[in-house]
Protein backbone atom coordinates (compact mmCIF):
# COMPACT_ATOMS: atom_id res chain seq x y z
CA MET A 1 -0.58 -2.71 -2.68
CA ARG A 2 -3.93 -1.82 -1.17
CA SER A 3 -6.97 -1.85 -3.42
CA THR A 4 -8.21 1.29 -1.63
CA ASP A 5 -5.26 3.19 -3.15
CA LEU A 6 -6.34 2.37 -6.70
CA ARG A 7 -8.60 4.18 -9.13
CA ILE A 8 -9.93 3.07 -12.50
CA GLY A 9 -7.16 3.90 -14.99
CA ASN A 10 -4.24 3.16 -12.64
CA TYR A 11 -1.35 1.09 -13.93
CA ASN A 12 0.03 -1.85 -11.97
CA LEU A 13 1.85 -5.10 -12.63
CA PHE A 14 -0.18 -8.28 -12.78
CA ASN A 15 1.89 -11.44 -12.88
CA SER A 16 4.89 -9.23 -13.86
CA LYS A 17 3.06 -7.73 -16.88
CA LEU A 18 1.74 -4.20 -17.32
CA ASP A 19 -1.93 -3.98 -16.41
CA ARG A 20 -4.45 -1.15 -16.14
CA ILE A 21 -7.42 -1.04 -13.78
CA ASN A 22 -10.49 -0.88 -16.05
CA ASP A 23 -13.41 -1.18 -13.64
CA GLY A 24 -14.55 -2.08 -10.15
CA TYR A 25 -14.09 -5.78 -10.91
CA ASP A 26 -10.36 -5.16 -11.41
CA ILE A 27 -10.13 -3.32 -8.08
CA ASP A 28 -11.93 -6.21 -6.35
CA HIS A 29 -9.50 -8.61 -8.02
CA VAL A 30 -6.58 -6.72 -6.45
CA ARG A 31 -8.33 -6.84 -3.07
CA ASP A 32 -8.79 -10.62 -3.35
CA ASP A 33 -5.24 -11.27 -4.60
CA LYS A 34 -4.04 -13.79 -2.03
CA GLU A 35 -1.10 -14.89 -4.21
CA GLY A 36 0.37 -11.38 -4.47
CA LEU A 37 0.25 -11.28 -8.27
CA HIS A 38 -0.65 -7.55 -8.33
CA LYS A 39 2.30 -5.25 -7.61
CA PRO A 40 2.72 -1.48 -7.76
CA ILE A 41 5.04 -0.06 -10.42
CA PRO A 42 8.02 1.81 -8.95
CA LEU A 43 8.18 5.41 -10.18
CA THR A 44 11.39 5.78 -12.18
CA GLU A 45 12.78 8.38 -14.58
CA ASP A 46 11.71 6.06 -17.44
CA TRP A 47 8.14 6.05 -16.18
CA LEU A 48 8.19 9.84 -15.82
CA LEU A 49 9.17 10.06 -19.48
CA ARG A 50 6.49 7.57 -20.53
CA LEU A 51 3.80 9.48 -18.65
CA GLY A 52 5.15 12.89 -19.63
CA LYS A 53 4.58 12.62 -23.38
CA GLY A 54 1.63 14.55 -24.77
CA ASN A 55 0.29 17.60 -22.93
CA LEU A 56 2.23 16.98 -19.73
CA ILE A 57 5.85 18.02 -19.34
CA ILE A 58 7.52 16.40 -16.36
CA ASN A 59 10.87 17.94 -15.54
CA GLY A 60 11.78 15.05 -13.28
CA LEU A 61 12.66 14.02 -9.80
CA HIS A 62 15.54 15.91 -8.30
CA GLU A 63 17.87 14.80 -5.54
CA LYS A 64 15.68 16.42 -2.88
CA GLY A 65 12.64 14.45 -4.08
CA VAL A 66 10.89 17.42 -5.70
CA LEU A 67 8.84 16.72 -8.82
CA TYR A 68 8.08 19.52 -11.26
CA PHE A 69 5.51 19.35 -13.99
CA ASN A 70 3.88 21.73 -16.40
CA SER A 71 0.39 21.07 -17.73
CA GLY A 72 -0.69 23.80 -20.08
CA ALA A 73 -0.45 27.14 -18.30
CA ASP A 74 -0.11 25.56 -14.85
CA TYR A 75 3.29 24.93 -13.31
CA ILE A 76 3.25 22.70 -10.27
CA GLU A 77 6.10 21.86 -7.91
CA PHE A 78 5.62 19.48 -5.04
CA ASP A 79 7.54 17.36 -2.57
CA ALA A 80 7.50 13.89 -4.10
CA LYS A 81 9.42 11.97 -1.47
CA HIS A 82 6.29 9.99 -0.60
CA ILE A 83 5.41 9.33 -4.28
CA LYS A 84 7.07 5.98 -4.88
CA TYR A 85 4.71 4.33 -7.37
CA VAL A 86 3.13 5.16 -10.72
CA HIS A 87 -0.44 4.83 -9.41
CA GLN A 88 0.31 7.39 -6.67
CA LEU A 89 1.47 9.93 -9.27
CA GLN A 90 -1.59 9.17 -11.41
CA ASN A 91 -3.86 9.77 -8.41
CA LEU A 92 -2.11 13.02 -7.46
CA TYR A 93 -2.28 14.33 -11.02
CA HIS A 94 -5.98 13.51 -11.22
CA ALA A 95 -6.65 15.21 -7.88
CA LEU A 96 -4.86 18.38 -9.04
CA THR A 97 -6.12 18.59 -12.62
CA GLY A 98 -9.19 16.36 -12.95
CA LYS A 99 -7.47 14.67 -15.91
CA GLU A 100 -6.03 11.19 -16.35
CA LEU A 101 -2.29 10.64 -16.57
CA THR A 102 -1.68 7.84 -19.05
CA ILE A 103 1.09 6.42 -21.22
CA GLN A 104 1.24 8.30 -24.51
CA ASP A 105 2.48 6.61 -27.69
């Protein structure tokens, strides 16, 4: 995982535990991770459900790799074949909406 792909708020695994990037120090820590303790989180149906609670409705990944989601009045469909990790989806969502995509309880 490259630190240049991360934004504050992105989820990742640190030493096999869920972690969230909180500031620039965290991003630098990923950059300096010589032991490989930071790993990206694979995007799965379970993660889509976890991220989709709240205002975001994610209809899911389909066999052709298309992801559909509905945020308020906006309906967005995009080719998600290259979206393999949670932080990539978070970054795409932020780029499209200006909002953060987080786990909702």
